C-alpha atoms as a PDB file:
ATOM      1  CA  MET A   1     -13.879  -9.710   9.521  1.00  0.00           C
ATOM      2  CA  LYS A   2     -15.363  -6.185  10.011  1.00  0.00           C
ATOM      3  CA  LEU A   3     -13.372  -3.694   7.946  1.00  0.00           C
ATOM      4  CA  HIS A   4     -13.537   0.140   8.051  1.00  0.00           C
ATOM      5  CA  VAL A   5     -14.379   1.218   4.507  1.00  0.00           C
ATOM      6  CA  ALA A   6     -14.881   4.753   3.416  1.00  0.00           C
ATOM      7  CA  VAL A   7     -16.733   5.392   0.190  1.00  0.00           C
ATOM      8  CA  ASP A   8     -16.844   8.845  -1.416  1.00  0.00           C
ATOM      9  CA  GLY A   9     -18.032  10.167  -4.802  1.00  0.00           C
ATOM     10  CA  PRO A  10     -20.829   9.432  -7.269  1.00  0.00           C
ATOM     11  CA  ARG A  11     -22.338   5.984  -7.374  1.00  0.00           C
ATOM     12  CA  ASP A  12     -21.909   5.815 -11.056  1.00  0.00           C
ATOM     13  CA  GLY A  13     -18.187   6.764 -10.852  1.00  0.00           C
ATOM     14  CA  THR A  14     -15.428   4.390 -11.665  1.00  0.00           C
ATOM     15  CA  PRO A  15     -14.408   2.649  -8.366  1.00  0.00           C
ATOM     16  CA  VAL A  16     -10.831   3.404  -7.413  1.00  0.00           C
ATOM     17  CA  VAL A  17      -9.834   1.408  -4.351  1.00  0.00           C
ATOM     18  CA  LEU A  18      -6.863   2.536  -2.173  1.00  0.00           C
ATOM     19  CA  LEU A  19      -4.912   0.015  -0.216  1.00  0.00           C
ATOM     20  CA  HIS A  20      -2.218   1.284   2.261  1.00  0.00           C
ATOM     21  CA  GLY A  21       1.004  -0.400   3.327  1.00  0.00           C
ATOM     22  CA  VAL A  22       1.731  -2.626   6.398  1.00  0.00           C
ATOM     23  CA  SER A  23       1.440  -0.693   9.681  1.00  0.00           C
ATOM     24  CA  GLY A  24      -0.462   2.168   7.714  1.00  0.00           C
ATOM     25  CA  SER A  25      -4.024   3.097   7.395  1.00  0.00           C
ATOM     26  CA  SER A  26      -6.472   4.531   4.763  1.00  0.00           C
ATOM     27  CA  ARG A  27      -5.548   8.024   6.224  1.00  0.00           C
ATOM     28  CA  THR A  28      -2.320   7.954   4.183  1.00  0.00           C
ATOM     29  CA  TYR A  29      -4.508   8.906   1.133  1.00  0.00           C
ATOM     30  CA  ASP A  30      -6.401  11.604   2.769  1.00  0.00           C
ATOM     31  CA  TRP A  31      -4.310  14.291   0.927  1.00  0.00           C
ATOM     32  CA  LEU A  32      -5.286  13.143  -2.619  1.00  0.00           C
ATOM     33  CA  PRO A  33      -5.969  16.126  -4.801  1.00  0.00           C
ATOM     34  CA  ASP A  34      -9.050  16.895  -6.816  1.00  0.00           C
ATOM     35  CA  GLU A  35      -7.596  15.602 -10.019  1.00  0.00           C
ATOM     36  CA  VAL A  36      -7.368  12.169  -8.658  1.00  0.00           C
ATOM     37  CA  VAL A  37     -10.674  11.881  -6.876  1.00  0.00           C
ATOM     38  CA  ARG A  38     -12.992  14.064  -8.920  1.00  0.00           C
ATOM     39  CA  GLY A  39     -15.930  12.178 -10.438  1.00  0.00           C
ATOM     40  CA  ARG A  40     -14.768   8.760  -9.187  1.00  0.00           C
ATOM     41  CA  ARG A  41     -16.105   6.446  -6.517  1.00  0.00           C
ATOM     42  CA  VAL A  42     -13.094   6.467  -4.171  1.00  0.00           C
ATOM     43  CA  VAL A  43     -12.814   3.593  -1.794  1.00  0.00           C
ATOM     44  CA  ARG A  44     -10.437   3.694   1.196  1.00  0.00           C
ATOM     45  CA  ILE A  45      -9.964   0.404   3.151  1.00  0.00           C
ATOM     46  CA  ASP A  46      -8.190  -0.106   6.503  1.00  0.00           C
ATOM     47  CA  LEU A  47      -6.774  -3.525   5.935  1.00  0.00           C
ATOM     48  CA  ARG A  48      -7.352  -6.110   8.750  1.00  0.00           C
ATOM     49  CA  GLY A  49      -5.511  -5.307  11.872  1.00  0.00           C
ATOM     50  CA  HIS A  50      -4.987  -1.638  10.759  1.00  0.00           C
ATOM     51  CA  GLY A  51      -6.697   1.681  11.507  1.00  0.00           C
ATOM     52  CA  ARG A  52     -10.402   1.199  12.512  1.00  0.00           C
ATOM     53  CA  SER A  53     -10.722  -2.398  11.147  1.00  0.00           C
ATOM     54  CA  GLU A  54     -10.842  -5.542  13.264  1.00  0.00           C
ATOM     55  CA  ARG A  55      -7.913  -7.325  14.418  1.00  0.00           C
ATOM     56  CA  ALA A  56      -7.658 -10.765  12.904  1.00  0.00           C
ATOM     57  CA  PRO A  57      -7.773 -13.872  15.163  1.00  0.00           C
ATOM     58  CA  ASP A  58      -6.588 -16.045  12.266  1.00  0.00           C
ATOM     59  CA  GLY A  59      -3.450 -14.117  11.058  1.00  0.00           C
ATOM     60  CA  TYR A  60      -2.284 -11.755   8.344  1.00  0.00           C
ATOM     61  CA  ALA A  61      -1.223 -13.697   5.252  1.00  0.00           C
ATOM     62  CA  ILE A  62      -1.511 -12.086   1.894  1.00  0.00           C
ATOM     63  CA  ALA A  63      -4.479 -14.309   0.941  1.00  0.00           C
ATOM     64  CA  ASP A  64      -6.224 -13.031   4.033  1.00  0.00           C
ATOM     65  CA  TYR A  65      -5.776  -9.406   3.065  1.00  0.00           C
ATOM     66  CA  GLY A  66      -6.702 -10.223  -0.591  1.00  0.00           C
ATOM     67  CA  GLY A  67      -9.882 -12.102   0.364  1.00  0.00           C
ATOM     68  CA  ASP A  68     -10.967  -9.221   2.410  1.00  0.00           C
ATOM     69  CA  VAL A  69     -10.529  -6.730  -0.423  1.00  0.00           C
ATOM     70  CA  VAL A  70     -12.336  -9.137  -2.781  1.00  0.00           C
ATOM     71  CA  ALA A  71     -15.350  -9.104  -0.397  1.00  0.00           C
ATOM     72  CA  VAL A  72     -15.308  -5.288  -0.359  1.00  0.00           C
ATOM     73  CA  LEU A  73     -15.140  -5.088  -4.115  1.00  0.00           C
ATOM     74  CA  ARG A  74     -18.094  -7.457  -4.505  1.00  0.00           C
ATOM     75  CA  GLU A  75     -20.150  -5.396  -2.011  1.00  0.00           C
ATOM     76  CA  VAL A  76     -19.359  -1.729  -3.014  1.00  0.00           C
ATOM     77  CA  ALA A  77     -17.981  -1.838  -6.707  1.00  0.00           C
ATOM     78  CA  ARG A  78     -20.635  -1.801  -9.410  1.00  0.00           C
ATOM     79  CA  ARG A  79     -17.982  -2.635 -12.022  1.00  0.00           C
ATOM     80  CA  PRO A  80     -14.404  -3.618 -12.369  1.00  0.00           C
ATOM     81  CA  ALA A  81     -12.309  -1.256 -10.064  1.00  0.00           C
ATOM     82  CA  VAL A  82      -8.863   0.290 -10.434  1.00  0.00           C
ATOM     83  CA  LEU A  83      -6.661  -0.770  -7.538  1.00  0.00           C
ATOM     84  CA  VAL A  84      -4.095   1.579  -6.102  1.00  0.00           C
ATOM     85  CA  GLY A  85      -1.732   0.046  -3.545  1.00  0.00           C
ATOM     86  CA  HIS A  86       1.333   0.952  -1.613  1.00  0.00           C
ATOM     87  CA  SER A  87       3.785  -1.723  -0.381  1.00  0.00           C
ATOM     88  CA  LEU A  88       1.640  -4.411   1.179  1.00  0.00           C
ATOM     89  CA  GLY A  89      -1.336  -2.898  -0.437  1.00  0.00           C
ATOM     90  CA  GLY A  90       0.304  -3.219  -3.724  1.00  0.00           C
ATOM     91  CA  VAL A  91       0.988  -6.938  -3.223  1.00  0.00           C
ATOM     92  CA  THR A  92      -2.536  -7.375  -2.185  1.00  0.00           C
ATOM     93  CA  ALA A  93      -3.732  -5.544  -5.398  1.00  0.00           C
ATOM     94  CA  TRP A  94      -1.573  -7.969  -7.390  1.00  0.00           C
ATOM     95  CA  TRP A  95      -3.041 -10.961  -5.535  1.00  0.00           C
ATOM     96  CA  VAL A  96      -6.620  -9.794  -6.263  1.00  0.00           C
ATOM     97  CA  ALA A  97      -5.950  -8.932  -9.916  1.00  0.00           C
ATOM     98  CA  GLN A  98      -4.298 -12.258 -10.407  1.00  0.00           C
ATOM     99  CA  ARG A  99      -7.124 -14.354  -9.016  1.00  0.00           C
ATOM    100  CA  HIS A 100     -10.253 -12.193  -9.652  1.00  0.00           C
ATOM    101  CA  ARG A 101      -9.769 -10.596 -13.105  1.00  0.00           C
ATOM    102  CA  GLU A 102     -13.572  -9.928 -13.329  1.00  0.00           C
ATOM    103  CA  LEU A 103     -13.350  -7.454 -10.363  1.00  0.00           C
ATOM    104  CA  VAL A 104     -10.259  -5.455 -11.512  1.00  0.00           C
ATOM    105  CA  ALA A 105      -9.822  -3.056 -14.425  1.00  0.00           C
ATOM    106  CA  ALA A 106      -6.236  -2.122 -13.649  1.00  0.00           C
ATOM    107  CA  ALA A 107      -3.683  -1.908 -10.880  1.00  0.00           C
ATOM    108  CA  PHE A 108      -1.221   0.902  -9.833  1.00  0.00           C
ATOM    109  CA  LEU A 109       1.338  -0.429  -7.455  1.00  0.00           C
ATOM    110  CA  GLU A 110       3.701   1.785  -5.397  1.00  0.00           C
ATOM    111  CA  ASP A 111       6.947   0.068  -4.652  1.00  0.00           C
ATOM    112  CA  PRO A 112       5.453  -3.339  -3.995  1.00  0.00           C
ATOM    113  CA  PRO A 113       7.508  -6.064  -2.260  1.00  0.00           C
ATOM    114  CA  LEU A 114       6.423  -8.637  -4.740  1.00  0.00           C
ATOM    115  CA  TYR A 115       9.607 -10.948  -4.098  1.00  0.00           C
ATOM    116  CA  MET A 116      10.165 -10.198  -0.486  1.00  0.00           C
ATOM    117  CA  GLY A 117       8.222 -13.250   0.546  1.00  0.00           C
ATOM    118  CA  GLU A 118      11.120 -15.401  -0.758  1.00  0.00           C
ATOM    119  CA  LEU A 119      13.547 -16.468   1.943  1.00  0.00           C
ATOM    120  CA  ASP A 120      16.710 -15.154   0.233  1.00  0.00           C
ATOM    121  CA  GLU A 121      14.997 -11.806  -0.651  1.00  0.00           C
ATOM    122  CA  HIS A 122      13.587 -11.515   2.888  1.00  0.00           C
ATOM    123  CA  GLU A 123      17.055 -11.890   4.412  1.00  0.00           C
ATOM    124  CA  ARG A 124      18.217  -8.987   2.099  1.00  0.00           C
ATOM    125  CA  ASN A 125      15.331  -6.766   2.989  1.00  0.00           C
ATOM    126  CA  GLY A 126      16.620  -3.702   4.775  1.00  0.00           C
ATOM    127  CA  ALA A 127      13.139  -2.881   6.152  1.00  0.00           C
ATOM    128  CA  VAL A 128      12.843  -5.933   8.414  1.00  0.00           C
ATOM    129  CA  PRO A 129      15.107  -4.652  11.237  1.00  0.00           C
ATOM    130  CA  VAL A 130      12.940  -1.697  11.312  1.00  0.00           C
ATOM    131  CA  PHE A 131       9.778  -3.434  12.103  1.00  0.00           C
ATOM    132  CA  PRO A 132      10.606  -4.436  15.694  1.00  0.00           C
ATOM    133  CA  VAL A 133      11.541  -0.816  16.438  1.00  0.00           C
ATOM    134  CA  LEU A 134       8.031   0.266  15.126  1.00  0.00           C
ATOM    135  CA  ILE A 135       6.379  -2.361  17.402  1.00  0.00           C
ATOM    136  CA  ASP A 136       8.357  -1.073  20.414  1.00  0.00           C
ATOM    137  CA  THR A 137       7.580   2.533  19.550  1.00  0.00           C
ATOM    138  CA  ALA A 138       3.871   1.981  19.290  1.00  0.00           C
ATOM    139  CA  ALA A 139       3.766   0.038  22.482  1.00  0.00           C
ATOM    140  CA  ARG A 140       5.621   2.813  24.353  1.00  0.00           C
ATOM    141  CA  TRP A 141       3.165   5.347  22.888  1.00  0.00           C
ATOM    142  CA  ARG A 142       0.193   3.396  24.108  1.00  0.00           C
ATOM    143  CA  ALA A 143       1.820   2.653  27.570  1.00  0.00           C
ATOM    144  CA  ASP A 144       2.730   6.412  28.123  1.00  0.00           C
ATOM    145  CA  GLY A 145      -0.502   7.739  26.720  1.00  0.00           C
ATOM    146  CA  VAL A 146       1.213   9.641  23.999  1.00  0.00           C
ATOM    147  CA  SER A 147      -1.238  11.594  21.873  1.00  0.00           C
ATOM    148  CA  GLN A 148      -1.443  11.404  18.168  1.00  0.00           C
ATOM    149  CA  PRO A 149       0.017  15.036  17.711  1.00  0.00           C
ATOM    150  CA  GLU A 150       2.903  14.164  20.238  1.00  0.00           C
ATOM    151  CA  ALA A 151       3.611  10.947  18.250  1.00  0.00           C
ATOM    152  CA  ALA A 152       3.576  12.982  15.080  1.00  0.00           C
ATOM    153  CA  ALA A 153       5.941  15.409  16.513  1.00  0.00           C
ATOM    154  CA  GLU A 154       8.276  12.591  17.610  1.00  0.00           C
ATOM    155  CA  LEU A 155       8.283  11.330  14.045  1.00  0.00           C
ATOM    156  CA  ALA A 156       8.971  14.758  12.720  1.00  0.00           C
ATOM    157  CA  ALA A 157      12.058  14.868  14.838  1.00  0.00           C
ATOM    158  CA  GLY A 158      13.285  11.549  13.383  1.00  0.00           C
ATOM    159  CA  PRO A 159      15.053  10.668  10.123  1.00  0.00           C
ATOM    160  CA  LEU A 160      11.845  10.946   8.007  1.00  0.00           C
ATOM    161  CA  GLY A 161      10.800  14.269   9.258  1.00  0.00           C
ATOM    162  CA  PRO A 162      12.697  16.482   6.935  1.00  0.00           C
ATOM    163  CA  THR A 163      11.537  14.644   3.881  1.00  0.00           C
ATOM    164  CA  SER A 164       7.930  13.869   4.767  1.00  0.00           C
ATOM    165  CA  HIS A 165       4.813  15.994   4.434  1.00  0.00           C
ATOM    166  CA  GLY A 166       3.083  16.955   7.709  1.00  0.00           C
ATOM    167  CA  ASP A 167       0.028  15.047   6.720  1.00  0.00           C
ATOM    168  CA  ALA A 168       2.007  11.936   6.153  1.00  0.00           C
ATOM    169  CA  LEU A 169       3.601  12.113   9.601  1.00  0.00           C
ATOM    170  CA  ALA A 170       0.130  12.546  11.237  1.00  0.00           C
ATOM    171  CA  ALA A 171      -1.299   9.633   9.284  1.00  0.00           C
ATOM    172  CA  ARG A 172       1.731   7.498  10.305  1.00  0.00           C
ATOM    173  CA  ALA A 173       1.410   8.445  13.884  1.00  0.00           C
ATOM    174  CA  TYR A 174      -2.248   7.550  13.908  1.00  0.00           C
ATOM    175  CA  ALA A 175      -1.639   4.345  12.166  1.00  0.00           C
ATOM    176  CA  LEU A 176       1.186   3.035  14.483  1.00  0.00           C
ATOM    177  CA  ARG A 177      -1.007   3.787  17.537  1.00  0.00           C
ATOM    178  CA  ALA A 178      -3.919   1.849  16.117  1.00  0.00           C
ATOM    179  CA  MET A 179      -2.399  -1.156  14.445  1.00  0.00           C
ATOM    180  CA  ASP A 180      -2.427  -4.774  15.780  1.00  0.00           C
ATOM    181  CA  PRO A 181       1.459  -5.417  16.405  1.00  0.00           C
ATOM    182  CA  ARG A 182       0.957  -8.846  14.764  1.00  0.00           C
ATOM    183  CA  VAL A 183       0.609  -7.093  11.282  1.00  0.00           C
ATOM    184  CA  LEU A 184       4.442  -6.381  11.630  1.00  0.00           C
ATOM    185  CA  GLU A 185       5.259  -9.738  13.234  1.00  0.00           C
ATOM    186  CA  GLY A 186       4.097 -11.376  10.008  1.00  0.00           C
ATOM    187  CA  ALA A 187       6.355  -8.966   8.093  1.00  0.00           C
ATOM    188  CA  ILE A 188       9.251  -9.880  10.320  1.00  0.00           C
ATOM    189  CA  ASP A 189       8.916 -13.716  10.110  1.00  0.00           C
ATOM    190  CA  ARG A 190       7.972 -13.600   6.321  1.00  0.00           C
ATOM    191  CA  SER A 191       4.535 -15.305   6.810  1.00  0.00           C
ATOM    192  CA  THR A 192       2.677 -12.466   5.317  1.00  0.00           C
ATOM    193  CA  LEU A 193       4.247 -12.356   1.854  1.00  0.00           C
ATOM    194  CA  ALA A 194       5.270 -15.971   1.650  1.00  0.00           C
ATOM    195  CA  GLY A 195       2.290 -16.860  -0.439  1.00  0.00           C
ATOM    196  CA  THR A 196       2.921 -14.310  -3.066  1.00  0.00           C
ATOM    197  CA  ASP A 197       2.660 -15.777  -6.584  1.00  0.00           C
ATOM    198  CA  THR A 198       4.924 -13.849  -9.003  1.00  0.00           C
ATOM    199  CA  SER A 199       4.698 -16.649 -11.851  1.00  0.00           C
ATOM    200  CA  SER A 200       1.014 -16.887 -12.662  1.00  0.00           C
ATOM    201  CA  PRO A 201      -0.402 -14.414 -15.181  1.00  0.00           C
ATOM    202  CA  VAL A 202      -1.994 -11.102 -14.280  1.00  0.00           C
ATOM    203  CA  ASP A 203      -4.286 -10.222 -17.169  1.00  0.00           C
ATOM    204  CA  VAL A 204      -5.067  -6.461 -16.379  1.00  0.00           C
ATOM    205  CA  PRO A 205      -2.913  -3.526 -17.054  1.00  0.00           C
ATOM    206  CA  VAL A 206      -0.392  -3.130 -14.143  1.00  0.00           C
ATOM    207  CA  PHE A 207       1.937  -0.097 -13.608  1.00  0.00           C
ATOM    208  CA  ILE A 208       4.595  -0.090 -10.872  1.00  0.00           C
ATOM    209  CA  LEU A 209       5.994   3.197  -9.513  1.00  0.00           C
ATOM    210  CA  ALA A 210       9.193   2.167  -7.861  1.00  0.00           C
ATOM    211  CA  ALA A 211      11.618   3.723  -5.346  1.00  0.00           C
ATOM    212  CA  ASP A 212      15.402   4.329  -5.887  1.00  0.00           C
ATOM    213  CA  ASP A 213      17.463   1.259  -5.282  1.00  0.00           C
ATOM    214  CA  ALA A 214      19.793   3.425  -3.148  1.00  0.00           C
ATOM    215  CA  MET A 215      16.876   4.492  -1.007  1.00  0.00           C
ATOM    216  CA  GLY A 216      15.986   0.980  -0.091  1.00  0.00           C
ATOM    217  CA  SER A 217      13.256   0.219  -2.627  1.00  0.00           C
ATOM    218  CA  ALA A 218      11.067  -2.817  -1.850  1.00  0.00           C
ATOM    219  CA  PHE A 219      10.927  -3.547  -5.660  1.00  0.00           C
ATOM    220  CA  PRO A 220      14.603  -2.900  -6.680  1.00  0.00           C
ATOM    221  CA  THR A 221      15.931  -3.264 -10.246  1.00  0.00           C
ATOM    222  CA  ARG A 222      16.734  -7.003  -9.834  1.00  0.00           C
ATOM    223  CA  HIS A 223      13.021  -7.590  -9.134  1.00  0.00           C
ATOM    224  CA  ALA A 224      11.962  -5.553 -12.035  1.00  0.00           C
ATOM    225  CA  GLU A 225      14.277  -7.516 -14.264  1.00  0.00           C
ATOM    226  CA  ARG A 226      12.695 -10.791 -12.963  1.00  0.00           C
ATOM    227  CA  LEU A 227       9.204  -9.511 -13.414  1.00  0.00           C
ATOM    228  CA  ALA A 228       9.984  -8.352 -17.057  1.00  0.00           C
ATOM    229  CA  ARG A 229      10.775 -12.081 -17.918  1.00  0.00           C
ATOM    230  CA  THR A 230       7.398 -13.417 -16.586  1.00  0.00           C
ATOM    231  CA  HIS A 231       5.151 -10.465 -16.996  1.00  0.00           C
ATOM    232  CA  PRO A 232       6.508  -8.362 -19.920  1.00  0.00           C
ATOM    233  CA  GLY A 233       3.505  -6.261 -20.134  1.00  0.00           C
ATOM    234  CA  VAL A 234       3.922  -4.630 -16.729  1.00  0.00           C
ATOM    235  CA  GLU A 235       5.256  -1.059 -17.002  1.00  0.00           C
ATOM    236  CA  VAL A 236       7.774  -0.076 -14.368  1.00  0.00           C
ATOM    237  CA  VAL A 237       8.884   3.510 -13.739  1.00  0.00           C
ATOM    238  CA  ARG A 238      11.639   4.251 -11.068  1.00  0.00           C
ATOM    239  CA  VAL A 239      11.683   7.588  -9.251  1.00  0.00           C
ATOM    240  CA  SER A 240      15.291   8.686  -8.805  1.00  0.00           C
ATOM    241  CA  GLY A 241      16.031   9.644  -5.108  1.00  0.00           C
ATOM    242  CA  ALA A 242      12.703   8.479  -3.751  1.00  0.00           C
ATOM    243  CA  GLY A 243      12.258   6.317  -0.765  1.00  0.00           C
ATOM    244  CA  HIS A 244       9.793   3.463  -0.214  1.00  0.00           C
ATOM    245  CA  SER A 245       6.770   5.793   0.569  1.00  0.00           C
ATOM    246  CA  ILE A 246       6.927   7.907  -2.532  1.00  0.00           C
ATOM    247  CA  HIS A 247       3.502   9.513  -2.002  1.00  0.00           C
ATOM    248  CA  ASP A 248       4.597  10.691   1.416  1.00  0.00           C
ATOM    249  CA  GLU A 249       7.688  12.586   0.366  1.00  0.00           C
ATOM    250  CA  ARG A 250       7.770  16.287  -0.278  1.00  0.00           C
ATOM    251  CA  GLU A 251       9.997  16.128  -3.190  1.00  0.00           C
ATOM    252  CA  HIS A 252       8.444  13.135  -4.920  1.00  0.00           C
ATOM    253  CA  ARG A 253       4.593  13.370  -4.184  1.00  0.00           C
ATOM    254  CA  PRO A 254       4.251  15.418  -7.355  1.00  0.00           C
ATOM    255  CA  ALA A 255       5.788  12.600  -9.428  1.00  0.00           C
ATOM    256  CA  TYR A 256       3.370  10.240  -7.611  1.00  0.00           C
ATOM    257  CA  THR A 257       0.408  12.381  -8.329  1.00  0.00           C
ATOM    258  CA  GLU A 258       1.348  12.849 -12.052  1.00  0.00           C
ATOM    259  CA  HIS A 259       1.734   9.196 -12.790  1.00  0.00           C
ATOM    260  CA  LEU A 260      -1.512   8.231 -10.817  1.00  0.00           C
ATOM    261  CA  THR A 261      -3.420  10.883 -12.610  1.00  0.00           C
ATOM    262  CA  ARG A 262      -2.296   9.801 -15.939  1.00  0.00           C
ATOM    263  CA  PHE A 263      -2.994   6.141 -15.091  1.00  0.00           C
ATOM    264  CA  LEU A 264      -6.506   6.885 -13.974  1.00  0.00           C
ATOM    265  CA  ALA A 265      -7.252   8.943 -16.997  1.00  0.00           C
ATOM    266  CA  VAL A 266      -6.601   5.810 -19.055  1.00  0.00           C
ATOM    267  CA  HIS A 267      -7.835   3.120 -16.939  1.00  0.00           C
ATOM    268  CA  ALA A 268     -10.576   4.688 -14.904  1.00  0.00           C
ATOM    269  CA  ASP A 269     -11.909   7.123 -17.466  1.00  0.00           C
ATOM    270  CA  GLY A 270     -11.333   5.134 -20.549  1.00  0.00           C
ATOM    271  CA  SER A 271      -9.570   7.930 -22.444  1.00  0.00           C
END
């Protein structure tokens, strides 16, 4: 599996590995400010079937995504990395930390759908009906030759336009045009997340930045309560008023940056 991996920063810097959500790409992190990236070895990965990475002939299960990230860590990280993941990327970070403790120093998860692979939770997941619409939209853009700026303008005119940064809309337009539609089919039929293990220990520090329940969080309060019973060491902070893509939102990006900066100061810099 050929993955597009961008590595920036000093070779001796602490590796910080950025993992995007389903139907996204590594471009969703291009905006990160100097206080996040300075002095660190920043690794941005296009997950299989996304961005400039290869499409997978054998599917898109969480173990596939996780195995790919493990391979990247072994190749480019000279010591345990801090994993930063949004949505699917957050579940992938959890999977890697759970199974490869030696490769991971800590994990920062943004609204991860840790329990959405369960049948009952999948049926309650409000994002699932949106995924076929995204597949159809991306197919129409490709068929009609819609450019990335035109696609971004269409997104800006939609429901997320007023709340999202312009760079987020551009990154989203790029990612939807580039993705393998099957990455969303796995989200629709539950196969991507069905193998998520929420019971076994995760022995590295984990911080979850969760969206507001009322805004369609993928990690709602009922999930946080369940996780507290099995993994009491995981810290969860919920951002009032924030939607699923906290880092994309004009109002809530500062909160995301603040929490991520603080987390990296402790777990990437050892302070």
